[in-house]
Amino acid sequence: MGLPSRIVLPTPAGSVTSERFRRAWSSAAGSVLSGIVIEIDGSITIIDAVYFRTDRDQILARSHELLANVAWVLNEHPEIARIRVEGHTDDRGTPELNRDLSQRRATAVMNHLVGTGHVDAARLEAVGYGMDRPVVAEAHTRAQHAANRRVVFHVLSATAVRAQPSGPSADTIDR
């Protein structure tokens, strides 16, 4: 069974992101948990970016909340069985250095999800693509280069997604 077009996620009880979640909620488009939407194309789309120190694999503190929410999604949805954390860079620098940097960054994100978010490591793999898969080919501006520097969460396998009943159940209907 494939993934649904969107998985609607409730806010985690007592979460520090609950206020941000309420501001981001859109009933017409599904839900966004601090910048996360699970799409039918087999990816977990993050609306914000994972930020790193320049030319390093150190995740900046401003990305910790986002990664906590990715971990929460994965922990709450065991039907998302396997995820590939993909690291991508822009085309500045040599292909070898960019592939190495993107691999180290993807591994850093995976390790963060396991170590801090308590995601089962067996569900994750990290792959660095360097500059081989740009979003913007032949990037020239800062914004174009920034678009190519990204982390992608690709769903490799999933089992049947839990359905949430939307109407009254048999035990709540007046007889």
N, C-alpha and C. Protein backbone atom coordinates (compact mmCIF):
# COMPACT_ATOMS: atom_id res chain seq x y z
N MET A 1 0.85 -1.18 0.00
CA MET A 1 0.00 0.00 0.00
C MET A 1 0.89 1.23 0.00
N GLY A 2 0.53 2.24 -0.77
CA GLY A 2 1.32 3.45 -0.87
C GLY A 2 1.03 4.44 0.24
N LEU A 3 1.76 5.51 0.21
CA LEU A 3 1.54 6.58 1.18
C LEU A 3 0.34 7.42 0.76
N PRO A 4 -0.41 7.97 1.71
CA PRO A 4 -1.51 8.86 1.35
C PRO A 4 -0.95 10.19 0.86
N SER A 5 -1.83 11.02 0.31
CA SER A 5 -1.35 12.31 -0.17
C SER A 5 -0.80 13.16 0.96
N ARG A 6 -1.37 13.07 2.14
CA ARG A 6 -0.84 13.76 3.31
C ARG A 6 -1.19 12.93 4.54
N ILE A 7 -0.30 12.93 5.50
CA ILE A 7 -0.59 12.36 6.81
C ILE A 7 -0.84 13.53 7.72
N VAL A 8 -2.03 13.61 8.29
CA VAL A 8 -2.36 14.70 9.18
C VAL A 8 -1.85 14.36 10.56
N LEU A 9 -1.01 15.23 11.10
CA LEU A 9 -0.34 14.96 12.36
C LEU A 9 -0.84 15.90 13.45
N PRO A 10 -1.29 15.35 14.59
CA PRO A 10 -1.67 16.22 15.70
C PRO A 10 -0.42 16.76 16.38
N THR A 11 -0.58 17.84 17.09
CA THR A 11 0.55 18.39 17.84
C THR A 11 0.88 17.47 19.01
N PRO A 12 2.15 17.22 19.28
CA PRO A 12 2.49 16.38 20.43
C PRO A 12 2.11 17.07 21.74
N ALA A 13 1.52 16.32 22.64
CA ALA A 13 1.08 16.89 23.92
C ALA A 13 2.28 17.47 24.66
N GLY A 14 2.13 18.70 25.14
CA GLY A 14 3.17 19.34 25.92
C GLY A 14 4.38 19.77 25.11
N SER A 15 4.27 19.74 23.80
CA SER A 15 5.41 20.08 22.96
C SER A 15 5.71 21.57 23.03
N VAL A 16 6.98 21.90 22.99
CA VAL A 16 7.37 23.31 22.96
C VAL A 16 6.99 23.94 21.62
N THR A 17 6.64 23.11 20.65
CA THR A 17 6.29 23.64 19.33
C THR A 17 4.79 23.82 19.16
N SER A 18 4.00 23.52 20.19
CA SER A 18 2.56 23.53 20.01
C SER A 18 2.03 24.89 19.55
N GLU A 19 2.55 26.00 20.07
CA GLU A 19 2.09 27.31 19.64
C GLU A 19 2.46 27.56 18.18
N ARG A 20 3.68 27.24 17.81
CA ARG A 20 4.10 27.38 16.42
C ARG A 20 3.25 26.48 15.52
N PHE A 21 2.94 25.27 16.02
CA PHE A 21 2.10 24.34 15.28
C PHE A 21 0.72 24.94 15.04
N ARG A 22 0.12 25.51 16.07
CA ARG A 22 -1.21 26.09 15.92
C ARG A 22 -1.20 27.22 14.90
N ARG A 23 -0.13 28.03 14.89
CA ARG A 23 -0.06 29.11 13.91
C ARG A 23 0.09 28.58 12.49
N ALA A 24 0.74 27.41 12.35
CA ALA A 24 1.00 26.86 11.02
C ALA A 24 -0.13 25.98 10.50
N TRP A 25 -1.08 25.64 11.35
CA TRP A 25 -2.14 24.71 10.97
C TRP A 25 -2.97 25.27 9.82
N SER A 26 -3.25 24.44 8.86
CA SER A 26 -4.11 24.83 7.76
C SER A 26 -4.99 23.64 7.42
N SER A 27 -6.26 23.71 7.76
CA SER A 27 -7.14 22.56 7.55
C SER A 27 -7.34 22.26 6.07
N ALA A 28 -7.20 23.24 5.22
CA ALA A 28 -7.38 23.00 3.79
C ALA A 28 -6.22 22.22 3.20
N ALA A 29 -5.04 22.42 3.72
CA ALA A 29 -3.85 21.80 3.12
C ALA A 29 -3.28 20.67 3.95
N GLY A 30 -3.97 20.22 4.99
CA GLY A 30 -3.39 19.22 5.87
C GLY A 30 -2.71 19.94 7.01
N SER A 31 -1.82 19.29 7.67
CA SER A 31 -1.16 19.95 8.78
C SER A 31 0.32 20.09 8.54
N VAL A 32 0.87 21.06 9.19
CA VAL A 32 2.31 21.29 9.14
C VAL A 32 2.78 21.32 10.58
N LEU A 33 3.68 20.45 10.93
CA LEU A 33 4.23 20.42 12.28
C LEU A 33 5.57 21.09 12.21
N SER A 34 5.61 22.35 12.57
CA SER A 34 6.84 23.11 12.57
C SER A 34 7.61 22.90 11.27
N GLY A 35 6.90 23.03 10.16
CA GLY A 35 7.56 22.98 8.86
C GLY A 35 7.69 21.61 8.25
N ILE A 36 6.86 20.63 8.64
CA ILE A 36 6.98 19.28 8.10
C ILE A 36 5.67 18.87 7.46
N VAL A 37 5.75 18.33 6.24
CA VAL A 37 4.59 17.76 5.57
C VAL A 37 5.06 16.46 4.93
N ILE A 38 4.28 15.39 5.08
CA ILE A 38 4.62 14.13 4.43
C ILE A 38 3.82 14.07 3.14
N GLU A 39 4.52 13.98 2.03
CA GLU A 39 3.90 14.05 0.72
C GLU A 39 3.78 12.66 0.10
N ILE A 40 2.90 12.54 -0.90
CA ILE A 40 2.68 11.27 -1.57
C ILE A 40 3.88 10.83 -2.41
N ASP A 41 4.74 11.76 -2.75
CA ASP A 41 5.90 11.41 -3.59
C ASP A 41 6.95 10.61 -2.83
N GLY A 42 6.70 10.30 -1.58
CA GLY A 42 7.64 9.49 -0.83
C GLY A 42 8.71 10.28 -0.13
N SER A 43 8.39 11.49 0.26
CA SER A 43 9.37 12.27 1.01
C SER A 43 8.71 12.96 2.18
N ILE A 44 9.52 13.30 3.16
CA ILE A 44 9.07 14.17 4.24
C ILE A 44 9.60 15.53 3.87
N THR A 45 8.72 16.42 3.51
CA THR A 45 9.12 17.75 3.07
C THR A 45 9.29 18.64 4.28
N ILE A 46 10.46 19.27 4.38
CA ILE A 46 10.66 20.25 5.44
C ILE A 46 10.66 21.62 4.78
N ILE A 47 9.82 22.48 5.31
CA ILE A 47 9.65 23.80 4.72
C ILE A 47 10.81 24.70 5.11
N ASP A 48 11.39 24.47 6.27
CA ASP A 48 12.59 25.18 6.69
C ASP A 48 13.79 24.37 6.25
N ALA A 49 14.98 24.86 6.48
CA ALA A 49 16.21 24.14 6.11
C ALA A 49 16.90 23.62 7.35
N VAL A 50 17.74 22.61 7.17
CA VAL A 50 18.65 22.18 8.22
C VAL A 50 19.91 23.01 8.01
N TYR A 51 20.30 23.75 9.04
CA TYR A 51 21.44 24.67 8.94
C TYR A 51 22.69 24.05 9.56
N PHE A 52 23.83 24.25 8.87
CA PHE A 52 25.12 23.75 9.33
C PHE A 52 26.11 24.90 9.35
N ARG A 53 27.20 24.72 10.11
CA ARG A 53 28.32 25.67 10.02
C ARG A 53 28.88 25.57 8.62
N THR A 54 29.34 26.68 8.09
CA THR A 54 29.90 26.73 6.74
C THR A 54 31.04 25.73 6.60
N ASP A 55 30.96 24.92 5.54
CA ASP A 55 31.97 23.91 5.22
C ASP A 55 32.19 22.89 6.33
N ARG A 56 31.20 22.68 7.19
CA ARG A 56 31.31 21.72 8.30
C ARG A 56 30.05 20.85 8.33
N ASP A 57 30.12 19.81 9.14
CA ASP A 57 28.96 18.94 9.34
C ASP A 57 28.29 19.19 10.69
N GLN A 58 28.60 20.30 11.32
CA GLN A 58 28.01 20.65 12.62
C GLN A 58 26.64 21.30 12.40
N ILE A 59 25.61 20.66 12.95
CA ILE A 59 24.24 21.18 12.84
C ILE A 59 24.10 22.37 13.77
N LEU A 60 23.57 23.48 13.26
CA LEU A 60 23.36 24.67 14.09
C LEU A 60 22.14 24.49 14.99
N ALA A 61 22.19 25.11 16.15
CA ALA A 61 21.13 25.00 17.15
C ALA A 61 19.77 25.40 16.59
N ARG A 62 19.73 26.32 15.64
CA ARG A 62 18.45 26.77 15.09
C ARG A 62 17.71 25.66 14.35
N SER A 63 18.39 24.54 14.05
CA SER A 63 17.76 23.40 13.37
C SER A 63 17.33 22.29 14.32
N HIS A 64 17.66 22.42 15.60
CA HIS A 64 17.34 21.35 16.55
C HIS A 64 15.84 21.14 16.70
N GLU A 65 15.05 22.20 16.75
CA GLU A 65 13.60 22.04 16.88
C GLU A 65 13.02 21.35 15.66
N LEU A 66 13.47 21.74 14.49
CA LEU A 66 13.00 21.11 13.26
C LEU A 66 13.32 19.62 13.26
N LEU A 67 14.55 19.26 13.63
CA LEU A 67 14.93 17.85 13.65
C LEU A 67 14.20 17.09 14.76
N ALA A 68 13.88 17.76 15.87
CA ALA A 68 13.07 17.13 16.91
C ALA A 68 11.69 16.78 16.36
N ASN A 69 11.16 17.65 15.52
CA ASN A 69 9.85 17.39 14.93
C ASN A 69 9.91 16.27 13.89
N VAL A 70 10.98 16.21 13.12
CA VAL A 70 11.16 15.09 12.19
C VAL A 70 11.22 13.78 12.99
N ALA A 71 11.98 13.77 14.08
CA ALA A 71 12.07 12.58 14.93
C ALA A 71 10.71 12.22 15.49
N TRP A 72 9.96 13.23 15.91
CA TRP A 72 8.62 12.97 16.46
C TRP A 72 7.74 12.31 15.41
N VAL A 73 7.76 12.82 14.19
CA VAL A 73 6.97 12.24 13.10
C VAL A 73 7.36 10.78 12.91
N LEU A 74 8.66 10.51 12.84
CA LEU A 74 9.12 9.13 12.61
C LEU A 74 8.75 8.21 13.77
N ASN A 75 8.87 8.70 15.00
CA ASN A 75 8.53 7.88 16.16
C ASN A 75 7.03 7.64 16.27
N GLU A 76 6.23 8.59 15.88
CA GLU A 76 4.78 8.45 15.94
C GLU A 76 4.21 7.66 14.76
N HIS A 77 5.00 7.49 13.71
CA HIS A 77 4.52 6.81 12.51
C HIS A 77 5.45 5.66 12.14
N PRO A 78 5.37 4.56 12.89
CA PRO A 78 6.23 3.41 12.58
C PRO A 78 5.94 2.81 11.21
N GLU A 79 4.80 3.16 10.63
CA GLU A 79 4.50 2.68 9.28
C GLU A 79 5.46 3.26 8.24
N ILE A 80 6.13 4.36 8.58
CA ILE A 80 7.22 4.87 7.74
C ILE A 80 8.43 4.04 8.14
N ALA A 81 8.65 2.96 7.42
CA ALA A 81 9.60 1.93 7.85
C ALA A 81 11.06 2.29 7.61
N ARG A 82 11.33 2.98 6.53
CA ARG A 82 12.73 3.22 6.16
C ARG A 82 12.85 4.60 5.50
N ILE A 83 13.84 5.37 5.95
CA ILE A 83 14.08 6.73 5.45
C ILE A 83 15.54 6.85 5.01
N ARG A 84 15.74 7.50 3.87
CA ARG A 84 17.10 7.85 3.46
C ARG A 84 17.27 9.35 3.71
N VAL A 85 18.25 9.70 4.53
CA VAL A 85 18.59 11.09 4.78
C VAL A 85 19.62 11.46 3.72
N GLU A 86 19.24 12.38 2.83
CA GLU A 86 20.10 12.75 1.71
C GLU A 86 20.72 14.12 1.95
N GLY A 87 22.02 14.21 1.77
CA GLY A 87 22.73 15.48 1.86
C GLY A 87 23.08 15.96 0.46
N HIS A 88 22.88 17.26 0.22
CA HIS A 88 23.17 17.88 -1.08
C HIS A 88 23.94 19.18 -0.86
N THR A 89 24.82 19.50 -1.79
CA THR A 89 25.60 20.74 -1.71
C THR A 89 25.38 21.55 -2.99
N ASP A 90 25.93 22.75 -3.00
CA ASP A 90 25.94 23.52 -4.23
C ASP A 90 27.16 23.10 -5.05
N ASP A 91 27.40 23.78 -6.17
CA ASP A 91 28.48 23.36 -7.08
C ASP A 91 29.80 24.09 -6.84
N ARG A 92 29.90 24.82 -5.74
CA ARG A 92 31.17 25.48 -5.43
C ARG A 92 32.07 24.48 -4.71
N GLY A 93 33.30 24.37 -5.13
CA GLY A 93 34.20 23.37 -4.57
C GLY A 93 34.30 22.17 -5.50
N THR A 94 35.19 21.26 -5.17
CA THR A 94 35.38 20.09 -6.03
C THR A 94 34.29 19.06 -5.78
N PRO A 95 33.99 18.25 -6.78
CA PRO A 95 32.98 17.20 -6.58
C PRO A 95 33.32 16.26 -5.41
N GLU A 96 34.60 15.94 -5.25
CA GLU A 96 35.00 15.03 -4.18
C GLU A 96 34.75 15.65 -2.80
N LEU A 97 35.14 16.91 -2.64
CA LEU A 97 34.92 17.58 -1.35
C LEU A 97 33.43 17.74 -1.06
N ASN A 98 32.65 18.08 -2.07
CA ASN A 98 31.21 18.25 -1.88
C ASN A 98 30.52 16.93 -1.55
N ARG A 99 30.92 15.85 -2.20
CA ARG A 99 30.34 14.55 -1.89
C ARG A 99 30.68 14.15 -0.45
N ASP A 100 31.92 14.38 -0.04
CA ASP A 100 32.32 14.08 1.33
C ASP A 100 31.56 14.94 2.34
N LEU A 101 31.45 16.24 2.08
CA LEU A 101 30.73 17.14 2.98
C LEU A 101 29.25 16.75 3.08
N SER A 102 28.64 16.46 1.95
CA SER A 102 27.21 16.09 1.97
C SER A 102 26.99 14.77 2.70
N GLN A 103 27.92 13.83 2.56
CA GLN A 103 27.81 12.56 3.28
C GLN A 103 27.95 12.79 4.78
N ARG A 104 28.92 13.61 5.18
CA ARG A 104 29.11 13.90 6.61
C ARG A 104 27.89 14.62 7.18
N ARG A 105 27.29 15.52 6.42
CA ARG A 105 26.09 16.22 6.90
C ARG A 105 24.90 15.29 7.01
N ALA A 106 24.70 14.44 6.02
CA ALA A 106 23.60 13.48 6.08
C ALA A 106 23.78 12.54 7.28
N THR A 107 25.00 12.12 7.51
CA THR A 107 25.30 11.26 8.66
C THR A 107 25.07 12.01 9.97
N ALA A 108 25.44 13.28 10.02
CA ALA A 108 25.22 14.09 11.23
C ALA A 108 23.73 14.20 11.54
N VAL A 109 22.92 14.41 10.51
CA VAL A 109 21.46 14.49 10.72
C VAL A 109 20.93 13.15 11.20
N MET A 110 21.36 12.07 10.56
CA MET A 110 20.93 10.74 10.98
C MET A 110 21.33 10.48 12.44
N ASN A 111 22.56 10.80 12.79
CA ASN A 111 23.02 10.60 14.17
C ASN A 111 22.23 11.45 15.16
N HIS A 112 21.86 12.66 14.75
CA HIS A 112 21.06 13.53 15.61
C HIS A 112 19.67 12.91 15.83
N LEU A 113 19.06 12.40 14.76
CA LEU A 113 17.75 11.78 14.89
C LEU A 113 17.80 10.56 15.81
N VAL A 114 18.88 9.80 15.74
CA VAL A 114 19.04 8.62 16.58
C VAL A 114 19.38 9.02 18.01
N GLY A 115 20.40 9.87 18.17
CA GLY A 115 20.89 10.21 19.50
C GLY A 115 19.98 11.11 20.30
N THR A 116 19.44 12.12 19.67
CA THR A 116 18.59 13.08 20.37
C THR A 116 17.12 12.74 20.23
N GLY A 117 16.73 12.29 19.03
CA GLY A 117 15.31 12.02 18.77
C GLY A 117 14.88 10.60 19.04
N HIS A 118 15.83 9.72 19.38
CA HIS A 118 15.53 8.33 19.73
C HIS A 118 14.84 7.56 18.60
N VAL A 119 15.18 7.90 17.36
CA VAL A 119 14.67 7.15 16.21
C VAL A 119 15.53 5.90 16.08
N ASP A 120 14.90 4.78 15.78
CA ASP A 120 15.62 3.52 15.60
C ASP A 120 16.57 3.64 14.41
N ALA A 121 17.86 3.45 14.65
CA ALA A 121 18.88 3.59 13.61
C ALA A 121 18.64 2.64 12.43
N ALA A 122 18.00 1.52 12.67
CA ALA A 122 17.74 0.55 11.60
C ALA A 122 16.76 1.10 10.56
N ARG A 123 16.04 2.17 10.90
CA ARG A 123 15.09 2.77 9.96
C ARG A 123 15.73 3.83 9.07
N LEU A 124 16.99 4.16 9.33
CA LEU A 124 17.62 5.29 8.65
C LEU A 124 18.87 4.87 7.89
N GLU A 125 19.14 5.57 6.81
CA GLU A 125 20.42 5.48 6.12
C GLU A 125 20.77 6.88 5.66
N ALA A 126 22.06 7.15 5.55
CA ALA A 126 22.53 8.48 5.14
C ALA A 126 23.30 8.35 3.84
N VAL A 127 22.97 9.24 2.88
CA VAL A 127 23.67 9.26 1.59
C VAL A 127 23.97 10.71 1.23
N GLY A 128 25.22 10.96 0.86
CA GLY A 128 25.62 12.28 0.39
C GLY A 128 25.77 12.29 -1.12
N TYR A 129 25.04 13.17 -1.77
CA TYR A 129 25.07 13.26 -3.23
C TYR A 129 25.94 14.40 -3.73
N GLY A 130 26.47 15.21 -2.81
CA GLY A 130 27.29 16.33 -3.24
C GLY A 130 26.48 17.26 -4.13
N MET A 131 27.07 17.63 -5.25
CA MET A 131 26.41 18.57 -6.16
C MET A 131 25.79 17.86 -7.36
N ASP A 132 25.62 16.54 -7.27
CA ASP A 132 25.13 15.74 -8.40
C ASP A 132 23.65 15.88 -8.69
N ARG A 133 22.86 16.36 -7.75
CA ARG A 133 21.40 16.46 -7.92
C ARG A 133 20.91 17.85 -7.55
N PRO A 134 21.26 18.84 -8.33
CA PRO A 134 20.86 20.21 -7.98
C PRO A 134 19.36 20.45 -8.19
N VAL A 135 18.81 21.32 -7.38
CA VAL A 135 17.44 21.80 -7.59
C VAL A 135 17.47 22.87 -8.68
N VAL A 136 18.51 23.70 -8.64
CA VAL A 136 18.71 24.76 -9.63
C VAL A 136 20.00 24.46 -10.39
N ALA A 137 19.84 24.02 -11.63
CA ALA A 137 21.02 23.75 -12.46
C ALA A 137 21.68 25.08 -12.82
N GLU A 138 22.97 25.08 -12.90
CA GLU A 138 23.74 26.28 -13.25
C GLU A 138 23.39 27.46 -12.35
N ALA A 139 23.44 27.23 -11.07
CA ALA A 139 23.14 28.27 -10.08
C ALA A 139 24.17 29.39 -10.16
N HIS A 140 23.68 30.65 -10.06
CA HIS A 140 24.57 31.81 -10.11
C HIS A 140 24.39 32.74 -8.92
N THR A 141 23.20 32.76 -8.33
CA THR A 141 22.93 33.69 -7.24
C THR A 141 23.06 32.97 -5.89
N ARG A 142 23.15 33.78 -4.83
CA ARG A 142 23.20 33.21 -3.48
C ARG A 142 21.97 32.35 -3.19
N ALA A 143 20.81 32.83 -3.58
CA ALA A 143 19.57 32.09 -3.34
C ALA A 143 19.56 30.77 -4.09
N GLN A 144 20.06 30.76 -5.31
CA GLN A 144 20.12 29.52 -6.08
C GLN A 144 21.09 28.52 -5.46
N HIS A 145 22.24 29.00 -5.02
CA HIS A 145 23.20 28.12 -4.35
C HIS A 145 22.60 27.57 -3.06
N ALA A 146 21.90 28.42 -2.31
CA ALA A 146 21.28 28.00 -1.05
C ALA A 146 20.21 26.93 -1.30
N ALA A 147 19.47 27.05 -2.40
CA ALA A 147 18.45 26.05 -2.73
C ALA A 147 19.07 24.68 -2.98
N ASN A 148 20.27 24.67 -3.51
CA ASN A 148 20.94 23.40 -3.80
C ASN A 148 21.55 22.76 -2.55
N ARG A 149 21.84 23.58 -1.54
CA ARG A 149 22.37 23.06 -0.27
C ARG A 149 21.18 22.66 0.60
N ARG A 150 20.96 21.37 0.74
CA ARG A 150 19.75 20.94 1.44
C ARG A 150 19.90 19.53 1.98
N VAL A 151 18.98 19.19 2.88
CA VAL A 151 18.82 17.83 3.39
C VAL A 151 17.43 17.38 2.96
N VAL A 152 17.35 16.18 2.43
CA VAL A 152 16.08 15.61 1.98
C VAL A 152 15.83 14.33 2.77
N PHE A 153 14.60 14.14 3.22
CA PHE A 153 14.20 12.91 3.91
C PHE A 153 13.34 12.12 2.92
N HIS A 154 13.90 11.07 2.37
CA HIS A 154 13.21 10.28 1.33
C HIS A 154 12.68 8.99 1.95
N VAL A 155 11.37 8.77 1.84
CA VAL A 155 10.76 7.55 2.36
C VAL A 155 11.06 6.41 1.40
N LEU A 156 11.79 5.41 1.88
CA LEU A 156 12.15 4.26 1.05
C LEU A 156 11.09 3.17 1.11
N SER A 157 10.50 2.98 2.28
CA SER A 157 9.45 1.98 2.40
C SER A 157 8.50 2.36 3.53
N ALA A 158 7.26 1.99 3.32
CA ALA A 158 6.23 2.26 4.31
C ALA A 158 5.18 1.17 4.23
N THR A 159 4.62 0.84 5.36
CA THR A 159 3.52 -0.11 5.40
C THR A 159 2.24 0.69 5.37
N ALA A 160 1.13 0.03 5.50
CA ALA A 160 -0.16 0.71 5.47
C ALA A 160 -0.19 1.82 6.52
N VAL A 161 -0.64 2.98 6.12
CA VAL A 161 -0.71 4.13 7.00
C VAL A 161 -1.96 4.03 7.86
N ARG A 162 -1.81 4.35 9.15
CA ARG A 162 -2.94 4.29 10.06
C ARG A 162 -4.02 5.29 9.62
N ALA A 163 -5.22 4.80 9.54
CA ALA A 163 -6.35 5.67 9.20
C ALA A 163 -6.96 6.22 10.48
N GLN A 164 -7.28 7.48 10.46
CA GLN A 164 -7.96 8.12 11.58
C GLN A 164 -9.43 8.29 11.19
N PRO A 165 -10.36 7.64 11.92
CA PRO A 165 -11.77 7.80 11.57
C PRO A 165 -12.18 9.26 11.66
N SER A 166 -12.96 9.70 10.69
CA SER A 166 -13.33 11.11 10.67
C SER A 166 -14.76 11.37 11.09
N GLY A 167 -15.55 10.34 11.21
CA GLY A 167 -16.95 10.52 11.58
C GLY A 167 -17.27 9.82 12.88
N PRO A 168 -18.55 9.78 13.22
CA PRO A 168 -18.94 9.12 14.46
C PRO A 168 -18.70 7.61 14.35
N SER A 169 -18.35 7.01 15.48
CA SER A 169 -18.16 5.56 15.51
C SER A 169 -19.46 4.92 16.00
N ALA A 170 -19.52 3.62 15.91
CA ALA A 170 -20.74 2.90 16.29
C ALA A 170 -21.13 3.17 17.74
N ASP A 171 -20.15 3.36 18.61
CA ASP A 171 -20.46 3.58 20.03
C ASP A 171 -20.84 5.02 20.37
N THR A 172 -20.77 5.93 19.40
CA THR A 172 -21.16 7.30 19.69
C THR A 172 -22.45 7.72 19.00
N ILE A 173 -23.03 6.85 18.20
CA ILE A 173 -24.28 7.16 17.49
C ILE A 173 -25.45 6.88 18.40
N ASP A 174 -26.39 7.84 18.48
CA ASP A 174 -27.61 7.64 19.29
C ASP A 174 -28.43 6.51 18.67
N ARG A 175 -28.96 5.70 19.55
CA ARG A 175 -29.80 4.57 19.06
C ARG A 175 -31.22 4.81 19.40
